[in-house]
N, C-alpha and C. Protein backbone atom coordinates (compact mmCIF):
# COMPACT_ATOMS: atom_id res chain seq x y z
N MET A 1 -215.51 80.80 15.07
CA MET A 1 -214.47 81.56 14.41
C MET A 1 -215.09 82.84 13.87
N ASN A 2 -214.43 83.96 14.10
CA ASN A 2 -214.99 85.23 13.63
C ASN A 2 -214.80 85.38 12.12
N LYS A 3 -215.46 86.37 11.54
CA LYS A 3 -215.44 86.57 10.08
C LYS A 3 -214.04 86.78 9.55
N LYS A 4 -213.24 87.57 10.25
CA LYS A 4 -211.87 87.84 9.80
C LYS A 4 -211.06 86.54 9.74
N ASN A 5 -211.16 85.72 10.76
CA ASN A 5 -210.43 84.45 10.78
C ASN A 5 -210.94 83.48 9.72
N LYS A 6 -212.23 83.54 9.41
CA LYS A 6 -212.76 82.69 8.35
C LYS A 6 -212.12 83.05 7.02
N PHE A 7 -211.94 84.35 6.77
CA PHE A 7 -211.29 84.77 5.53
C PHE A 7 -209.81 84.40 5.54
N ILE A 8 -209.16 84.59 6.65
CA ILE A 8 -207.73 84.26 6.76
C ILE A 8 -207.52 82.76 6.55
N ALA A 9 -208.43 81.93 7.05
CA ALA A 9 -208.31 80.48 6.90
C ALA A 9 -208.34 80.03 5.43
N LEU A 10 -208.93 80.85 4.56
CA LEU A 10 -209.01 80.52 3.13
C LEU A 10 -207.67 80.67 2.40
N ILE A 11 -206.76 81.46 2.95
CA ILE A 11 -205.53 81.84 2.23
C ILE A 11 -204.71 80.65 1.73
N PRO A 12 -204.34 79.67 2.56
CA PRO A 12 -203.51 78.58 2.04
C PRO A 12 -204.17 77.80 0.89
N ALA A 13 -205.44 77.48 1.03
CA ALA A 13 -206.14 76.73 -0.02
C ALA A 13 -206.23 77.54 -1.31
N LEU A 14 -206.59 78.81 -1.19
CA LEU A 14 -206.70 79.65 -2.39
C LEU A 14 -205.33 79.88 -3.03
N TRP A 15 -204.28 80.04 -2.22
CA TRP A 15 -202.93 80.22 -2.75
C TRP A 15 -202.51 79.01 -3.60
N THR A 16 -202.65 77.80 -3.02
CA THR A 16 -202.19 76.62 -3.77
C THR A 16 -203.04 76.39 -5.01
N CYS A 17 -204.32 76.67 -4.91
CA CYS A 17 -205.20 76.54 -6.06
C CYS A 17 -204.77 77.51 -7.17
N LEU A 18 -204.56 78.77 -6.82
CA LEU A 18 -204.12 79.76 -7.81
C LEU A 18 -202.77 79.40 -8.42
N PHE A 19 -201.86 78.91 -7.59
CA PHE A 19 -200.55 78.50 -8.10
C PHE A 19 -200.71 77.35 -9.08
N ASP A 20 -201.50 76.35 -8.71
CA ASP A 20 -201.73 75.19 -9.57
C ASP A 20 -202.39 75.61 -10.89
N ILE A 21 -203.37 76.46 -10.82
CA ILE A 21 -204.04 76.96 -12.03
C ILE A 21 -203.03 77.69 -12.92
N SER A 22 -202.24 78.56 -12.31
CA SER A 22 -201.26 79.35 -13.08
C SER A 22 -200.24 78.47 -13.78
N ILE A 23 -199.70 77.50 -13.06
CA ILE A 23 -198.68 76.65 -13.65
C ILE A 23 -199.29 75.73 -14.72
N THR A 24 -200.54 75.33 -14.52
CA THR A 24 -201.22 74.52 -15.54
C THR A 24 -201.42 75.33 -16.81
N ILE A 25 -201.87 76.56 -16.68
CA ILE A 25 -202.10 77.41 -17.84
C ILE A 25 -200.80 77.71 -18.57
N THR A 26 -199.77 78.07 -17.83
CA THR A 26 -198.51 78.46 -18.49
C THR A 26 -197.78 77.29 -19.14
N HIS A 27 -198.10 76.06 -18.76
CA HIS A 27 -197.41 74.91 -19.35
C HIS A 27 -198.24 74.18 -20.41
N GLN A 28 -199.30 74.82 -20.86
CA GLN A 28 -200.02 74.25 -22.00
C GLN A 28 -199.20 74.49 -23.27
N PRO A 29 -199.21 73.54 -24.18
CA PRO A 29 -198.43 73.73 -25.41
C PRO A 29 -199.00 74.85 -26.29
N LYS A 30 -198.14 75.42 -27.10
CA LYS A 30 -198.57 76.50 -28.01
C LYS A 30 -199.72 76.05 -28.91
N GLU A 31 -199.69 74.78 -29.30
CA GLU A 31 -200.74 74.24 -30.17
C GLU A 31 -202.12 74.38 -29.51
N TYR A 32 -202.15 74.22 -28.19
CA TYR A 32 -203.42 74.35 -27.48
C TYR A 32 -203.96 75.77 -27.63
N TRP A 33 -203.10 76.75 -27.39
CA TRP A 33 -203.53 78.15 -27.47
C TRP A 33 -203.81 78.59 -28.90
N ASN A 34 -203.27 77.84 -29.87
CA ASN A 34 -203.54 78.12 -31.29
C ASN A 34 -204.78 77.41 -31.80
N GLY A 35 -205.50 76.72 -30.92
CA GLY A 35 -206.79 76.14 -31.29
C GLY A 35 -206.85 74.63 -31.33
N ASN A 36 -205.74 73.93 -31.22
CA ASN A 36 -205.77 72.46 -31.20
C ASN A 36 -206.03 72.01 -29.76
N LEU A 37 -207.28 71.99 -29.38
CA LEU A 37 -207.67 71.73 -28.00
C LEU A 37 -207.32 70.32 -27.52
N ASN A 38 -207.13 69.40 -28.44
CA ASN A 38 -206.77 68.03 -28.06
C ASN A 38 -205.36 67.93 -27.48
N THR A 39 -204.56 68.97 -27.62
CA THR A 39 -203.20 68.95 -27.06
C THR A 39 -203.18 69.45 -25.62
N GLY A 40 -204.34 69.82 -25.07
CA GLY A 40 -204.42 70.28 -23.69
C GLY A 40 -203.92 69.19 -22.74
N ASN A 41 -203.26 69.61 -21.69
CA ASN A 41 -202.64 68.67 -20.75
C ASN A 41 -203.16 68.96 -19.35
N GLU A 42 -204.09 68.14 -18.89
CA GLU A 42 -204.67 68.31 -17.56
C GLU A 42 -205.02 66.93 -17.00
N ALA A 43 -204.55 66.65 -15.78
CA ALA A 43 -204.78 65.34 -15.16
C ALA A 43 -206.21 65.19 -14.64
N ASN A 44 -206.81 66.29 -14.19
CA ASN A 44 -208.18 66.25 -13.67
C ASN A 44 -209.13 65.98 -14.84
N PRO A 45 -209.88 64.87 -14.82
CA PRO A 45 -210.75 64.54 -15.96
C PRO A 45 -211.83 65.58 -16.24
N ILE A 46 -212.32 66.25 -15.21
CA ILE A 46 -213.33 67.30 -15.44
C ILE A 46 -212.67 68.50 -16.12
N GLY A 47 -211.53 68.93 -15.58
CA GLY A 47 -210.79 70.03 -16.19
C GLY A 47 -210.35 69.71 -17.60
N ASP A 48 -209.90 68.48 -17.82
CA ASP A 48 -209.46 68.05 -19.14
C ASP A 48 -210.61 68.13 -20.14
N PHE A 49 -211.78 67.65 -19.74
CA PHE A 49 -212.96 67.69 -20.61
C PHE A 49 -213.32 69.14 -20.97
N ILE A 50 -213.35 70.01 -19.97
CA ILE A 50 -213.73 71.40 -20.22
C ILE A 50 -212.67 72.11 -21.06
N MET A 51 -211.38 71.82 -20.80
CA MET A 51 -210.31 72.42 -21.60
C MET A 51 -210.41 72.01 -23.07
N LYS A 52 -210.85 70.79 -23.30
CA LYS A 52 -210.94 70.29 -24.67
C LYS A 52 -212.24 70.70 -25.35
N THR A 53 -213.11 71.36 -24.62
CA THR A 53 -214.36 71.88 -25.18
C THR A 53 -214.16 73.29 -25.75
N HIS A 54 -213.40 74.12 -25.01
CA HIS A 54 -213.16 75.50 -25.45
C HIS A 54 -211.89 76.02 -24.79
N VAL A 55 -211.17 76.85 -25.51
CA VAL A 55 -209.90 77.37 -24.98
C VAL A 55 -210.08 78.19 -23.71
N SER A 56 -211.24 78.76 -23.50
CA SER A 56 -211.49 79.53 -22.28
C SER A 56 -211.98 78.64 -21.13
N GLY A 57 -212.15 77.35 -21.40
CA GLY A 57 -212.68 76.44 -20.40
C GLY A 57 -211.88 76.42 -19.11
N ILE A 58 -210.56 76.44 -19.22
CA ILE A 58 -209.70 76.41 -18.02
C ILE A 58 -209.95 77.63 -17.14
N PHE A 59 -210.20 78.77 -17.76
CA PHE A 59 -210.44 79.99 -17.00
C PHE A 59 -211.80 79.96 -16.32
N ILE A 60 -212.80 79.47 -17.02
CA ILE A 60 -214.15 79.42 -16.47
C ILE A 60 -214.21 78.45 -15.29
N ILE A 61 -213.70 77.24 -15.49
CA ILE A 61 -213.77 76.25 -14.39
C ILE A 61 -212.91 76.69 -13.21
N SER A 62 -211.81 77.37 -13.49
CA SER A 62 -210.94 77.84 -12.39
C SER A 62 -211.64 78.90 -11.55
N ILE A 63 -212.31 79.83 -12.19
CA ILE A 63 -213.04 80.88 -11.45
C ILE A 63 -214.16 80.25 -10.63
N LEU A 64 -214.90 79.32 -11.23
CA LEU A 64 -215.98 78.65 -10.51
C LEU A 64 -215.44 77.85 -9.32
N TRP A 65 -214.31 77.18 -9.51
CA TRP A 65 -213.71 76.40 -8.43
C TRP A 65 -213.24 77.31 -7.30
N LEU A 66 -212.62 78.43 -7.62
CA LEU A 66 -212.17 79.38 -6.59
C LEU A 66 -213.35 79.91 -5.79
N ILE A 67 -214.44 80.22 -6.48
CA ILE A 67 -215.65 80.70 -5.80
C ILE A 67 -216.20 79.61 -4.88
N PHE A 68 -216.24 78.37 -5.38
CA PHE A 68 -216.73 77.24 -4.59
C PHE A 68 -215.87 77.04 -3.33
N ILE A 69 -214.56 77.12 -3.47
CA ILE A 69 -213.66 77.00 -2.32
C ILE A 69 -213.98 78.09 -1.29
N GLY A 70 -214.13 79.33 -1.77
CA GLY A 70 -214.42 80.44 -0.87
C GLY A 70 -215.74 80.26 -0.12
N ILE A 71 -216.77 79.87 -0.84
CA ILE A 71 -218.09 79.69 -0.22
C ILE A 71 -218.06 78.54 0.79
N CYS A 72 -217.53 77.39 0.38
CA CYS A 72 -217.48 76.24 1.29
C CYS A 72 -216.59 76.52 2.50
N GLY A 73 -215.42 77.09 2.24
CA GLY A 73 -214.49 77.37 3.32
C GLY A 73 -215.03 78.37 4.32
N TYR A 74 -215.85 79.28 3.86
CA TYR A 74 -216.39 80.32 4.74
C TYR A 74 -217.65 79.84 5.48
N TYR A 75 -218.55 79.15 4.78
CA TYR A 75 -219.87 78.87 5.35
C TYR A 75 -220.04 77.48 5.97
N LEU A 76 -219.19 76.53 5.63
CA LEU A 76 -219.34 75.22 6.26
C LEU A 76 -219.03 75.32 7.75
N PRO A 77 -219.56 74.41 8.54
CA PRO A 77 -219.21 74.39 9.97
C PRO A 77 -217.69 74.27 10.12
N ARG A 78 -217.16 74.80 11.21
CA ARG A 78 -215.72 74.96 11.41
C ARG A 78 -214.91 73.69 11.12
N LYS A 79 -215.27 72.57 11.71
CA LYS A 79 -214.48 71.34 11.52
C LYS A 79 -214.54 70.87 10.07
N ILE A 80 -215.70 70.89 9.49
CA ILE A 80 -215.84 70.45 8.09
C ILE A 80 -215.09 71.42 7.17
N SER A 81 -215.19 72.70 7.45
CA SER A 81 -214.48 73.70 6.66
C SER A 81 -212.97 73.48 6.72
N ARG A 82 -212.46 73.23 7.91
CA ARG A 82 -211.00 73.01 8.07
C ARG A 82 -210.54 71.77 7.33
N ILE A 83 -211.33 70.71 7.36
CA ILE A 83 -210.99 69.50 6.62
C ILE A 83 -211.01 69.78 5.12
N PHE A 84 -212.05 70.46 4.65
CA PHE A 84 -212.18 70.79 3.23
C PHE A 84 -211.01 71.66 2.78
N LEU A 85 -210.68 72.70 3.53
CA LEU A 85 -209.60 73.60 3.15
C LEU A 85 -208.24 72.90 3.18
N LEU A 86 -208.03 72.01 4.13
CA LEU A 86 -206.80 71.24 4.17
C LEU A 86 -206.72 70.31 2.95
N PHE A 87 -207.83 69.68 2.61
CA PHE A 87 -207.89 68.82 1.43
C PHE A 87 -207.52 69.60 0.17
N VAL A 88 -208.12 70.77 -0.01
CA VAL A 88 -207.82 71.60 -1.18
C VAL A 88 -206.34 72.00 -1.18
N PHE A 89 -205.85 72.41 -0.03
CA PHE A 89 -204.45 72.81 0.12
C PHE A 89 -203.50 71.68 -0.28
N LEU A 90 -203.73 70.49 0.27
CA LEU A 90 -202.85 69.35 -0.03
C LEU A 90 -202.98 68.89 -1.48
N THR A 91 -204.19 68.83 -1.97
CA THR A 91 -204.42 68.37 -3.34
C THR A 91 -203.77 69.29 -4.37
N HIS A 92 -203.97 70.59 -4.21
CA HIS A 92 -203.38 71.52 -5.18
C HIS A 92 -201.87 71.64 -5.01
N SER A 93 -201.37 71.43 -3.81
CA SER A 93 -199.91 71.37 -3.63
C SER A 93 -199.36 70.18 -4.42
N ALA A 94 -200.01 69.03 -4.29
CA ALA A 94 -199.55 67.82 -4.98
C ALA A 94 -199.64 67.96 -6.50
N THR A 95 -200.74 68.52 -6.97
CA THR A 95 -200.89 68.64 -8.42
C THR A 95 -199.96 69.70 -9.00
N ALA A 96 -199.68 70.73 -8.25
CA ALA A 96 -198.68 71.72 -8.70
C ALA A 96 -197.30 71.09 -8.79
N ILE A 97 -197.00 70.21 -7.84
CA ILE A 97 -195.71 69.51 -7.85
C ILE A 97 -195.56 68.66 -9.10
N SER A 98 -196.68 68.14 -9.62
CA SER A 98 -196.60 67.33 -10.83
C SER A 98 -196.14 68.17 -12.03
N TRP A 99 -196.28 69.48 -11.94
CA TRP A 99 -195.74 70.39 -12.96
C TRP A 99 -194.34 70.87 -12.58
N ILE A 100 -194.15 71.16 -11.30
CA ILE A 100 -192.87 71.75 -10.86
C ILE A 100 -191.70 70.78 -11.05
N THR A 101 -191.85 69.56 -10.56
CA THR A 101 -190.72 68.63 -10.55
C THR A 101 -190.17 68.35 -11.96
N PRO A 102 -191.00 67.98 -12.93
CA PRO A 102 -190.42 67.69 -14.25
C PRO A 102 -189.93 68.93 -15.00
N ASN A 103 -190.49 70.10 -14.68
CA ASN A 103 -190.13 71.32 -15.42
C ASN A 103 -189.04 72.15 -14.74
N TYR A 104 -188.96 72.07 -13.42
CA TYR A 104 -188.03 72.94 -12.69
C TYR A 104 -187.09 72.17 -11.76
N GLY A 105 -187.40 70.93 -11.48
CA GLY A 105 -186.51 70.10 -10.70
C GLY A 105 -186.87 69.97 -9.22
N PHE A 106 -186.09 69.11 -8.58
CA PHE A 106 -186.29 68.73 -7.20
C PHE A 106 -186.27 69.91 -6.24
N TRP A 107 -185.28 70.80 -6.35
CA TRP A 107 -185.12 71.88 -5.37
C TRP A 107 -186.26 72.89 -5.40
N PHE A 108 -186.81 73.13 -6.58
CA PHE A 108 -187.98 74.02 -6.65
C PHE A 108 -189.18 73.38 -5.95
N THR A 109 -189.29 72.07 -6.08
CA THR A 109 -190.36 71.35 -5.38
C THR A 109 -190.19 71.48 -3.87
N ILE A 110 -188.96 71.31 -3.40
CA ILE A 110 -188.69 71.42 -1.96
C ILE A 110 -189.00 72.84 -1.47
N ILE A 111 -188.58 73.84 -2.22
CA ILE A 111 -188.85 75.24 -1.83
C ILE A 111 -190.35 75.51 -1.80
N PHE A 112 -191.07 75.03 -2.80
CA PHE A 112 -192.52 75.20 -2.86
C PHE A 112 -193.19 74.56 -1.64
N MET A 113 -192.78 73.34 -1.30
CA MET A 113 -193.38 72.65 -0.15
C MET A 113 -192.99 73.32 1.17
N LEU A 114 -191.77 73.79 1.28
CA LEU A 114 -191.36 74.51 2.49
C LEU A 114 -192.19 75.78 2.65
N PHE A 115 -192.32 76.55 1.57
CA PHE A 115 -193.13 77.77 1.62
C PHE A 115 -194.56 77.44 2.04
N ASN A 116 -195.16 76.41 1.43
CA ASN A 116 -196.54 76.04 1.75
C ASN A 116 -196.68 75.59 3.20
N SER A 117 -195.68 74.85 3.69
CA SER A 117 -195.72 74.40 5.08
C SER A 117 -195.67 75.57 6.05
N ILE A 118 -194.79 76.52 5.78
CA ILE A 118 -194.68 77.71 6.63
C ILE A 118 -195.97 78.52 6.57
N LEU A 119 -196.51 78.72 5.37
CA LEU A 119 -197.75 79.47 5.21
C LEU A 119 -198.88 78.81 5.99
N PHE A 120 -199.03 77.50 5.83
CA PHE A 120 -200.09 76.79 6.53
C PHE A 120 -199.95 76.93 8.03
N TYR A 121 -198.75 76.73 8.54
CA TYR A 121 -198.51 76.81 9.98
C TYR A 121 -198.80 78.23 10.50
N GLN A 122 -198.33 79.24 9.79
CA GLN A 122 -198.54 80.62 10.23
C GLN A 122 -200.02 80.99 10.26
N ILE A 123 -200.75 80.58 9.24
CA ILE A 123 -202.19 80.86 9.20
C ILE A 123 -202.91 80.09 10.31
N ASP A 124 -202.56 78.82 10.46
CA ASP A 124 -203.18 78.01 11.50
C ASP A 124 -202.91 78.60 12.89
N ASP A 125 -201.68 79.03 13.10
CA ASP A 125 -201.31 79.64 14.37
C ASP A 125 -202.11 80.93 14.61
N LYS A 126 -202.28 81.72 13.56
CA LYS A 126 -203.00 83.00 13.70
C LYS A 126 -204.48 82.79 14.03
N ILE A 127 -205.12 81.85 13.35
CA ILE A 127 -206.56 81.69 13.58
C ILE A 127 -206.88 80.91 14.85
N ASN A 128 -205.89 80.20 15.39
CA ASN A 128 -206.14 79.43 16.61
C ASN A 128 -205.57 80.07 17.85
N LYS A 129 -204.92 81.21 17.69
CA LYS A 129 -204.32 81.90 18.84
C LYS A 129 -205.43 82.40 19.76
N LYS A 130 -205.27 82.09 21.02
CA LYS A 130 -206.23 82.56 22.01
C LYS A 130 -205.71 83.85 22.61
N ASN A 131 -206.57 84.80 22.71
CA ASN A 131 -206.20 86.06 23.34
C ASN A 131 -206.36 85.92 24.85
N ILE A 132 -205.26 85.82 25.51
CA ILE A 132 -205.28 85.67 26.96
C ILE A 132 -204.86 87.00 27.58
N SER A 133 -205.75 87.55 28.32
CA SER A 133 -205.41 88.80 28.99
C SER A 133 -205.36 88.56 30.49
N ILE A 134 -204.39 89.15 31.10
CA ILE A 134 -204.22 89.00 32.54
C ILE A 134 -204.70 90.30 33.19
N ARG A 135 -205.63 90.15 34.07
CA ARG A 135 -206.15 91.33 34.76
C ARG A 135 -205.59 91.37 36.15
N ILE A 136 -205.17 92.53 36.55
CA ILE A 136 -204.59 92.71 37.90
C ILE A 136 -205.58 93.47 38.76
């Protein structure tokens, strides 16, 4: 896979990760942002621990995780990279849904999943398209 396609392949995983991070941050209670770190709400035990250590913890771990996704997705061998990126894509889609469904309802969840499905298919189609030229 060429360099351009390696970067393009990162898009679905990074998108769902950023969406999940954003919705997690925006749905923290006011008490959390006012310094009561024990009110932080995060299902990931590592993220929960870091969030309860310092209010900036969510931002630090999120940046590190995004960098890790980028490095692994770009440098791992093609098959392993594709499995890893699909795992990240599915996992962050699922965890974002855990925020979307109770806060926004069923139809927003369906729209989110439809958008993610289309995005994944379009990116997959783009990076796997073979350039076939016919010479006369």
